[in-house]
Protein backbone atom coordinates (compact mmCIF):
# COMPACT_ATOMS: atom_id res chain seq x y z
CA MET A 1 0.00 0.00 0.00
CA MET A 2 2.78 2.46 0.79
CA GLY A 3 4.17 1.78 -2.66
CA LEU A 4 0.93 3.08 -4.11
CA PHE A 5 1.09 6.25 -2.06
CA SER A 6 4.69 6.81 -3.09
CA GLN A 7 3.70 6.41 -6.71
CA ALA A 8 0.86 8.83 -6.22
CA GLY A 9 3.17 11.37 -4.63
CA SER A 10 5.71 11.23 -7.40
CA HIS A 11 2.97 11.49 -10.02
CA ILE A 12 1.42 14.54 -8.40
CA LYS A 13 4.76 16.32 -8.16
CA ARG A 14 5.02 16.22 -11.95
CA ALA A 15 1.63 17.93 -12.38
CA ARG A 16 3.02 21.29 -13.46
CA GLY A 17 5.29 19.81 -16.15
CA LEU A 18 3.36 17.01 -17.83
CA SER A 19 5.21 13.91 -19.01
CA VAL A 20 3.80 11.36 -21.45
CA ASP A 21 2.43 9.33 -18.53
CA ASP A 22 0.76 12.42 -17.10
CA ARG A 23 -1.39 13.16 -20.13
CA ALA A 24 -5.13 13.09 -19.68
CA PRO A 25 -6.71 9.76 -20.66
CA GLU A 26 -7.72 9.45 -24.28
CA ASP A 27 -11.26 10.45 -25.28
CA THR A 28 -11.60 12.84 -22.34
CA GLU A 29 -11.95 16.57 -22.72
CA PRO A 30 -9.91 19.09 -20.68
CA ASP A 31 -12.98 19.91 -18.58
CA ASP A 32 -13.41 16.23 -17.64
CA THR A 33 -10.10 15.87 -15.79
CA SER A 34 -8.33 17.42 -12.80
CA ILE A 35 -4.62 18.03 -12.27
CA LEU A 36 -3.52 18.61 -8.70
CA ASP A 37 -0.72 20.93 -7.68
CA GLU A 38 1.78 19.83 -5.01
CA ASN A 39 -0.17 21.20 -2.03
CA GLU A 40 -3.45 19.66 -3.19
CA GLY A 41 -1.72 16.36 -3.90
CA SER A 42 -0.26 16.26 -0.41
CA VAL A 43 -3.69 16.81 1.14
CA ILE A 44 -5.22 14.02 -0.98
CA ILE A 45 -2.43 11.59 -0.04
CA SER A 46 -2.82 12.44 3.65
CA LEU A 47 -6.57 11.85 3.39
CA ILE A 48 -6.28 8.58 1.50
CA SER A 49 -3.72 7.21 3.93
CA GLN A 50 -6.51 7.14 6.54
CA LEU A 51 -8.89 5.10 4.35
CA ARG A 52 -9.46 1.41 3.79
CA VAL A 53 -10.74 -0.25 0.63
CA GLY A 54 -14.52 -0.64 0.87
CA MET A 55 -14.82 2.02 3.57
CA ASP A 56 -18.04 4.08 3.71
CA LEU A 57 -17.15 7.71 3.04
CA SER A 58 -20.33 9.33 4.41
CA LYS A 59 -18.48 10.63 7.47
CA VAL A 60 -15.21 11.54 5.74
CA THR A 61 -14.49 15.25 5.30
CA PHE A 62 -13.04 16.02 1.87
CA PRO A 63 -10.73 18.98 1.20
CA THR A 64 -12.41 22.12 -0.08
CA PHE A 65 -10.53 22.23 -3.40
CA VAL A 66 -12.52 19.21 -4.66
CA LEU A 67 -15.84 20.96 -4.00
CA GLU A 68 -18.19 22.34 -6.61
CA PRO A 69 -19.50 25.69 -5.26
CA ARG A 70 -23.12 24.66 -4.78
CA SER A 71 -25.12 22.24 -2.69
CA MET A 72 -26.26 18.83 -3.91
CA LEU A 73 -29.81 20.14 -3.47
CA GLU A 74 -29.19 22.75 -6.14
CA ARG A 75 -27.38 20.30 -8.41
CA ILE A 76 -30.59 18.28 -8.69
CA THR A 77 -32.02 21.19 -10.72
CA ASP A 78 -29.73 20.16 -13.60
CA PHE A 79 -32.49 17.74 -14.58
CA MET A 80 -34.94 20.64 -14.92
CA SER A 81 -32.69 22.48 -17.39
CA HIS A 82 -34.37 21.44 -20.65
CA PRO A 83 -38.11 21.38 -19.94
CA ASP A 84 -39.01 21.89 -23.60
CA LEU A 85 -38.12 18.22 -24.14
CA ILE A 86 -40.95 17.07 -21.92
CA PHE A 87 -43.50 19.88 -22.19
CA GLY A 88 -46.34 18.89 -24.49
CA ALA A 89 -45.66 15.15 -24.20
CA GLU A 90 -49.22 14.65 -22.96
CA LYS A 91 -50.46 15.66 -26.41
CA CYS A 92 -48.70 12.70 -28.06
CA ASP A 93 -51.24 9.97 -28.76
CA ASP A 94 -48.61 7.23 -28.97
CA PRO A 95 -47.47 6.01 -25.50
CA GLU A 96 -44.11 5.01 -26.99
CA GLU A 97 -43.55 8.61 -28.10
CA ARG A 98 -44.42 9.88 -24.62
CA PHE A 99 -41.92 7.40 -23.20
CA THR A 100 -39.25 8.63 -25.62
CA ARG A 101 -39.86 12.20 -24.49
CA ILE A 102 -39.25 11.12 -20.89
CA LEU A 103 -35.97 9.53 -22.03
CA GLN A 104 -34.96 12.79 -23.68
CA TYR A 105 -35.64 14.79 -20.52
CA TYR A 106 -33.61 12.39 -18.39
CA LEU A 107 -30.60 12.09 -20.70
CA ALA A 108 -30.37 15.86 -21.24
CA GLY A 109 -29.48 16.52 -17.60
CA TRP A 110 -26.09 14.82 -17.49
CA HIS A 111 -24.02 17.16 -19.65
CA ILE A 112 -24.17 19.93 -17.02
CA LYS A 113 -21.15 19.64 -14.74
CA PRO A 114 -18.28 21.70 -13.36
CA LYS A 115 -14.80 21.62 -14.83
CA GLY A 116 -12.64 18.78 -13.56
CA VAL A 117 -13.62 16.31 -10.86
CA LYS A 118 -15.75 18.15 -8.32
CA LYS A 119 -18.42 17.18 -5.80
CA PRO A 120 -21.23 19.43 -4.53
CA TYR A 121 -21.58 20.27 -0.85
CA ASN A 122 -23.13 17.57 1.31
CA PRO A 123 -26.42 19.13 2.49
CA VAL A 124 -26.97 19.37 6.24
CA LEU A 125 -30.16 18.14 7.87
CA GLY A 126 -33.02 20.57 7.27
CA GLU A 127 -31.23 22.46 4.51
CA PHE A 128 -33.44 23.35 1.55
CA PHE A 129 -33.17 24.90 -1.90
CA ARG A 130 -36.08 26.46 -3.76
CA CYS A 131 -36.40 28.29 -7.05
CA ARG A 132 -38.79 29.39 -9.77
CA TYR A 133 -38.56 29.11 -13.55
CA ASP A 134 -40.09 31.68 -15.92
CA TYR A 135 -40.41 30.09 -19.36
CA PRO A 136 -40.47 31.89 -22.74
CA ASN A 137 -44.07 30.77 -23.36
CA GLY A 138 -45.23 32.70 -20.28
CA THR A 139 -45.60 29.65 -18.03
CA GLN A 140 -43.73 28.88 -14.83
CA GLY A 141 -42.14 25.97 -12.98
CA PHE A 142 -41.44 25.58 -9.27
CA PHE A 143 -38.82 23.48 -7.46
CA VAL A 144 -37.95 22.67 -3.87
CA ALA A 145 -35.47 20.16 -2.43
CA GLU A 146 -34.76 19.38 1.21
CA GLN A 147 -32.29 17.26 3.13
CA VAL A 148 -34.70 15.06 5.06
CA SER A 149 -32.08 12.71 6.59
CA HIS A 150 -28.40 13.06 7.38
CA HIS A 151 -27.43 9.48 8.34
CA PRO A 152 -28.18 8.00 5.89
CA PRO A 153 -28.14 11.08 3.64
CA ILE A 154 -31.42 11.51 1.76
CA SER A 155 -32.37 14.46 -0.45
CA ALA A 156 -36.06 14.75 -1.37
CA PHE A 157 -37.20 16.99 -4.22
CA PHE A 158 -40.35 18.22 -5.95
CA TYR A 159 -40.90 20.04 -9.26
CA ILE A 160 -44.14 21.11 -10.84
CA SER A 161 -45.24 23.20 -13.80
CA PRO A 162 -49.03 23.33 -13.56
CA ALA A 163 -49.50 25.06 -16.92
CA ASN A 164 -47.30 22.49 -18.68
CA ARG A 165 -48.90 19.57 -16.82
CA VAL A 166 -45.65 18.08 -15.50
CA CYS A 167 -44.86 16.95 -11.96
CA ILE A 168 -41.63 15.30 -10.73
CA ILE A 169 -41.09 13.85 -7.25
CA GLY A 170 -38.07 11.93 -6.06
CA GLU A 171 -35.29 11.30 -3.62
CA LEU A 172 -31.58 10.59 -3.84
CA ARG A 173 -29.67 8.42 -1.36
CA PRO A 174 -25.96 8.57 -2.29
CA LYS A 175 -23.53 6.07 -0.74
CA SER A 176 -19.80 6.56 -1.35
CA LYS A 177 -17.01 4.02 -0.95
CA PHE A 178 -13.24 4.09 -1.32
CA LEU A 179 -12.11 1.47 -3.86
CA GLY A 180 -8.35 2.01 -4.02
CA ASN A 181 -7.57 4.21 -7.01
CA SER A 182 -11.17 5.40 -7.24
CA VAL A 183 -14.16 6.49 -5.21
CA SER A 184 -17.61 5.17 -6.12
CA THR A 185 -20.93 6.80 -5.32
CA THR A 186 -23.97 4.56 -5.56
CA MET A 187 -26.93 6.77 -6.42
CA GLU A 188 -29.92 5.03 -4.88
CA GLY A 189 -33.36 6.58 -5.19
CA GLU A 190 -35.54 7.50 -8.13
CA ASN A 191 -37.35 10.22 -10.09
CA ARG A 192 -41.11 9.76 -10.46
CA ILE A 193 -42.49 11.77 -13.36
CA THR A 194 -46.19 12.35 -13.94
CA LEU A 195 -47.71 13.77 -17.11
CA MET A 196 -50.75 15.23 -15.41
CA GLY A 197 -52.68 15.51 -18.67
CA VAL A 198 -52.44 11.73 -19.12
CA PRO A 199 -53.41 10.36 -15.69
CA ASN A 200 -53.89 6.84 -17.05
CA ASP A 201 -50.15 6.62 -17.74
CA GLY A 202 -49.39 6.63 -14.03
CA GLU A 203 -45.77 7.32 -13.08
CA TYR A 204 -42.65 7.18 -15.19
CA VAL A 205 -39.93 5.96 -12.81
CA VAL A 206 -36.26 6.69 -13.46
CA THR A 207 -33.28 5.42 -11.46
CA MET A 208 -29.74 6.82 -11.49
CA PRO A 209 -26.38 5.46 -12.67
CA ASN A 210 -23.47 5.30 -10.25
CA MET A 211 -20.55 7.73 -10.26
CA TYR A 212 -16.84 6.98 -10.17
CA ALA A 213 -13.97 9.38 -9.51
CA ARG A 214 -10.97 7.52 -10.90
CA GLY A 215 -7.26 8.19 -10.74
CA ILE A 216 -7.13 9.57 -7.19
CA LEU A 217 -3.87 7.73 -6.41
CA PHE A 218 -2.15 7.78 -9.79
CA GLY A 219 -3.02 9.06 -13.24
CA LYS A 220 -5.38 11.92 -13.92
CA MET A 221 -8.59 12.21 -11.93
CA VAL A 222 -11.58 11.50 -14.17
CA LEU A 223 -15.28 11.46 -13.33
CA GLU A 224 -17.32 8.68 -14.98
CA LEU A 225 -20.91 7.49 -14.87
CA GLY A 226 -21.26 3.74 -14.78
CA ASP A 227 -23.56 0.74 -14.43
CA THR A 228 -27.21 0.36 -15.39
CA CYS A 229 -30.24 2.48 -14.65
CA VAL A 230 -33.88 1.88 -15.54
CA VAL A 231 -36.61 4.01 -17.07
CA LYS A 232 -40.04 2.41 -16.84
CA ASN A 233 -43.74 3.06 -17.22
CA GLU A 234 -45.56 0.02 -15.93
CA LYS A 235 -49.04 1.12 -17.02
CA ASN A 236 -48.00 0.96 -20.70
CA ARG A 237 -45.49 -1.88 -20.14
CA LEU A 238 -42.63 0.29 -21.44
CA PHE A 239 -39.09 -0.19 -20.15
CA CYS A 240 -35.55 0.91 -20.98
CA ASP A 241 -32.40 -0.56 -19.45
CA LEU A 242 -29.70 2.08 -19.94
CA GLU A 243 -26.05 1.17 -19.47
CA PHE A 244 -23.64 3.98 -18.72
CA LYS A 245 -20.35 2.47 -19.85
CA THR A 246 -17.10 3.09 -18.01
CA LYS A 247 -13.98 3.04 -20.16
CA GLY A 248 -11.82 -0.08 -19.99
CA PHE A 249 -8.13 0.21 -19.24
CA PHE A 250 -7.10 -0.55 -22.83
CA SER A 251 -10.27 0.02 -24.84
CA GLY A 252 -13.64 1.70 -24.86
CA THR A 253 -14.93 5.29 -25.00
CA TYR A 254 -15.60 7.75 -22.22
CA ASN A 255 -19.20 8.78 -21.47
CA ALA A 256 -20.76 6.11 -23.71
CA ILE A 257 -24.31 4.86 -23.19
CA ALA A 258 -26.27 1.96 -24.67
CA GLY A 259 -29.79 0.81 -24.03
CA ARG A 260 -32.77 -1.10 -25.36
CA VAL A 261 -36.37 0.03 -25.18
CA ARG A 262 -39.02 -2.66 -24.99
CA ARG A 263 -42.76 -2.86 -24.74
CA GLY A 264 -43.73 -5.95 -22.87
CA SER A 265 -41.33 -8.62 -24.09
CA SER A 266 -40.69 -7.04 -27.51
CA ASP A 267 -37.78 -4.70 -28.25
CA THR A 268 -38.89 -1.48 -29.92
CA GLY A 269 -35.73 0.59 -30.10
CA GLU A 270 -32.07 1.14 -29.22
CA VAL A 271 -30.37 4.06 -27.48
CA SER A 272 -26.71 4.85 -28.18
CA GLY A 273 -24.15 7.65 -28.11
CA ARG A 274 -22.31 9.65 -25.47
CA TRP A 275 -24.10 11.54 -22.72
CA SER A 276 -21.62 14.41 -23.07
CA HIS A 277 -22.13 14.68 -26.84
CA ILE A 278 -24.92 13.19 -29.02
CA MET A 279 -27.43 10.49 -28.07
CA GLU A 280 -29.69 8.78 -30.59
CA PHE A 281 -32.70 6.49 -30.68
CA LYS A 282 -33.09 3.89 -33.43
CA SER A 283 -36.46 2.30 -34.12
CA ILE A 284 -36.20 -1.46 -34.56
CA LYS A 285 -39.40 -1.55 -36.62
CA SER A 286 -38.49 1.14 -39.18
CA GLY A 287 -34.72 1.40 -38.77
CA SER A 288 -35.01 5.18 -38.60
CA LYS A 289 -32.85 7.24 -36.24
CA ARG A 290 -33.57 10.41 -34.28
CA VAL A 291 -31.38 12.55 -32.06
CA LEU A 292 -32.49 12.45 -28.44
CA PHE A 293 -30.13 15.21 -27.34
CA ASP A 294 -27.12 17.01 -28.80
CA ALA A 295 -25.14 18.57 -25.97
CA ALA A 296 -22.96 20.66 -28.29
CA LYS A 297 -25.92 22.08 -30.20
CA ASP A 298 -28.58 22.39 -27.50
CA GLY A 299 -26.63 22.19 -24.25
CA GLN A 300 -26.47 25.97 -23.86
CA ASN A 301 -30.26 26.35 -23.97
CA ILE A 302 -30.62 25.94 -20.23
CA SER A 303 -33.71 27.34 -18.55
CA PRO A 304 -32.56 29.98 -16.04
CA LYS A 305 -33.84 29.70 -12.50
CA TYR A 306 -34.88 32.56 -10.27
CA VAL A 307 -33.48 32.38 -6.74
CA PRO A 308 -34.00 35.24 -4.26
CA ASP A 309 -30.94 37.25 -3.24
CA ILE A 310 -28.96 35.94 -0.27
CA ASP A 311 -30.31 38.62 2.08
CA GLN A 312 -33.87 37.56 1.23
CA GLN A 313 -33.26 33.88 1.99
CA GLU A 314 -33.83 31.99 5.21
CA PRO A 315 -30.81 30.78 7.25
CA TYR A 316 -31.14 27.18 6.07
CA GLU A 317 -31.56 27.93 2.38
CA SER A 318 -28.62 26.43 0.53
CA ARG A 319 -27.06 29.51 -0.99
CA ARG A 320 -27.28 31.53 2.23
CA LEU A 321 -26.15 28.65 4.43
CA TRP A 322 -23.03 27.99 2.33
CA ASN A 323 -22.43 31.57 1.16
CA ASP A 324 -19.10 32.06 2.97
CA LEU A 325 -17.77 28.77 1.60
CA THR A 326 -18.92 29.56 -1.93
CA GLN A 327 -17.27 33.00 -1.87
CA ALA A 328 -14.01 31.53 -0.56
CA ILE A 329 -13.93 28.84 -3.26
CA GLU A 330 -14.62 31.39 -5.99
CA GLU A 331 -11.78 33.53 -4.60
CA ARG A 332 -9.57 30.40 -4.45
CA ASN A 333 -8.95 31.07 -0.75
CA MET A 334 -8.76 27.48 0.46
CA GLU A 335 -7.87 28.39 4.06
CA ARG A 336 -10.96 30.56 4.39
CA ALA A 337 -13.02 27.92 2.58
CA THR A 338 -11.98 25.26 5.09
CA GLU A 339 -12.95 27.55 7.97
CA ALA A 340 -16.33 28.35 6.42
CA LYS A 341 -17.10 24.68 5.75
CA SER A 342 -16.10 23.71 9.29
CA ALA A 343 -18.29 26.46 10.76
CA VAL A 344 -21.42 25.05 9.09
CA GLU A 345 -20.57 21.45 9.99
CA ASP A 346 -19.67 22.29 13.61
CA ALA A 347 -22.95 24.17 14.06
CA GLN A 348 -24.81 21.16 12.68
CA ARG A 349 -23.05 18.78 15.07
CA GLU A 350 -23.91 21.04 18.01
CA LEU A 351 -27.54 21.20 16.94
CA ARG A 352 -27.63 17.40 16.64
CA ARG A 353 -26.14 17.08 20.14
CA LYS A 354 -28.82 19.35 21.59
CA ARG A 355 -31.56 17.37 19.85
CA GLU A 356 -30.22 14.13 21.27
CA GLU A 357 -30.03 15.57 24.78
CA SER A 358 -33.56 16.96 24.68
CA GLY A 359 -35.06 14.02 22.82
CA GLU A 360 -36.32 16.36 20.10
CA LYS A 361 -37.07 14.67 16.79
CA PHE A 362 -36.27 16.42 13.53
CA ILE A 363 -39.34 17.10 11.38
CA SER A 364 -38.77 18.00 7.76
CA ARG A 365 -40.43 21.15 6.49
CA TYR A 366 -41.56 20.23 3.00
CA PHE A 367 -41.65 16.43 2.83
CA GLU A 368 -43.00 13.46 4.74
CA ARG A 369 -42.51 9.74 4.42
CA ARG A 370 -45.57 7.90 3.10
CA ASP A 371 -45.64 4.24 2.08
CA GLY A 372 -41.84 4.09 2.05
CA ARG A 373 -41.42 7.14 -0.20
CA TRP A 374 -40.74 10.81 0.47
CA GLU A 375 -43.68 12.90 -0.71
CA PRO A 376 -44.35 16.65 -0.57
CA LYS A 377 -46.59 17.95 2.20
CA LEU A 378 -48.87 19.39 -0.44
CA LYS A 379 -52.09 18.32 -2.06
CA ILE A 380 -50.73 18.44 -5.59
CA PRO A 381 -53.04 20.46 -7.83
CA ARG A 382 -54.15 18.57 -10.92
CA ASP A 383 -55.27 21.57 -12.95
CA ASP A 384 -53.48 24.48 -14.56
CA SER A 385 -55.53 27.27 -13.03
CA SER A 386 -54.11 30.38 -11.42
CA GLU A 387 -55.38 29.01 -8.08
CA ALA A 388 -53.21 25.92 -8.54
CA ILE A 389 -50.15 28.08 -9.26
CA ASP A 390 -50.87 30.27 -6.23
CA ALA A 391 -51.23 27.18 -4.01
CA VAL A 392 -47.81 25.86 -5.05
CA GLN A 393 -46.09 29.22 -4.63
CA THR A 394 -47.64 29.82 -1.21
CA TRP A 395 -46.52 26.36 -0.06
CA ILE A 396 -42.92 26.82 -1.21
CA TRP A 397 -42.68 30.49 -0.18
CA PRO A 398 -45.13 30.95 2.69
CA PRO A 399 -45.97 34.57 3.57
CA THR A 400 -44.57 34.09 7.08
CA ALA A 401 -41.06 33.22 5.77
CA GLU A 402 -38.29 35.66 6.66
């Protein structure tokens, strides 16, 4: 094991003057990899020396230079970035076409990521993020996510656009492990999408691929998505098994996906491409192809979200809660960033200690557990009236909020 750490140390020291062995892996783009300087490399080696293969990383504190300057609760909004792909799906008479539109929505969220290998902030218990979308067609969308559990970590989220007849509810339960030269994050949980104009469809359920940060001991650090996720609509017997392919040591392509769509026991189509570039669907019946999403062409058309200014947010809203840390990271002041991160985490530990002493039980603000799933504490409006929009806004931003 010490031989590995020695190799890692020597490799990191060459970061400023790249040798042939130091070059980024083939098929990756500059934004997909991270190169550590000597100080960062020393911190990583010191951290890794305390780990064991297979160890759960939920209680491990990572250095601030590997952090993306936003909370995991805000990162979930990446999947709400291209709503035009799903709006209007209810008007499609063919259930297979509606299913394909759900696939488009899901696959379009992966291309949004920070440069290099970064992880968002781990939300603290009770933290929440909320925002509003104002769309070009004059309609709106509303989103709220909350950290409903800390051990194990669970993030619940809710999105609705009453006028566009779309509702999304879900939760994420990430579990990270140290694997030697990589860290894996198993993304348990699911998205449950409802096309409210087609109630007979029921839910479209989507699971997540796993994430791997590779090359943390030697080589360049690269973030990959891997393993299989499922998109399904049981009412119409439509399913898609999507494989996010990790690159082999000697062969393969980064960011590749492959999948088969079936209705009942019959295959109806194939999905292929790269989630960072172009993804296509091929009909087995006709042999025709269509582009599901082209990240280079359409990736910049991201729906902007409206978030109140920091001074108008509540103390546990993500951007206000982590504001000092975010500013320090953007200023590349890692010492101040470490202090800011520790301040939030220490306050959370003290609050947890007081709860344990008093016997107080944490009650989430926006979500509750029903039938084994986290659901919003809201009677979801099924119409697109102004009253429905007002009800959602009042629930997310109650008049009594600071």
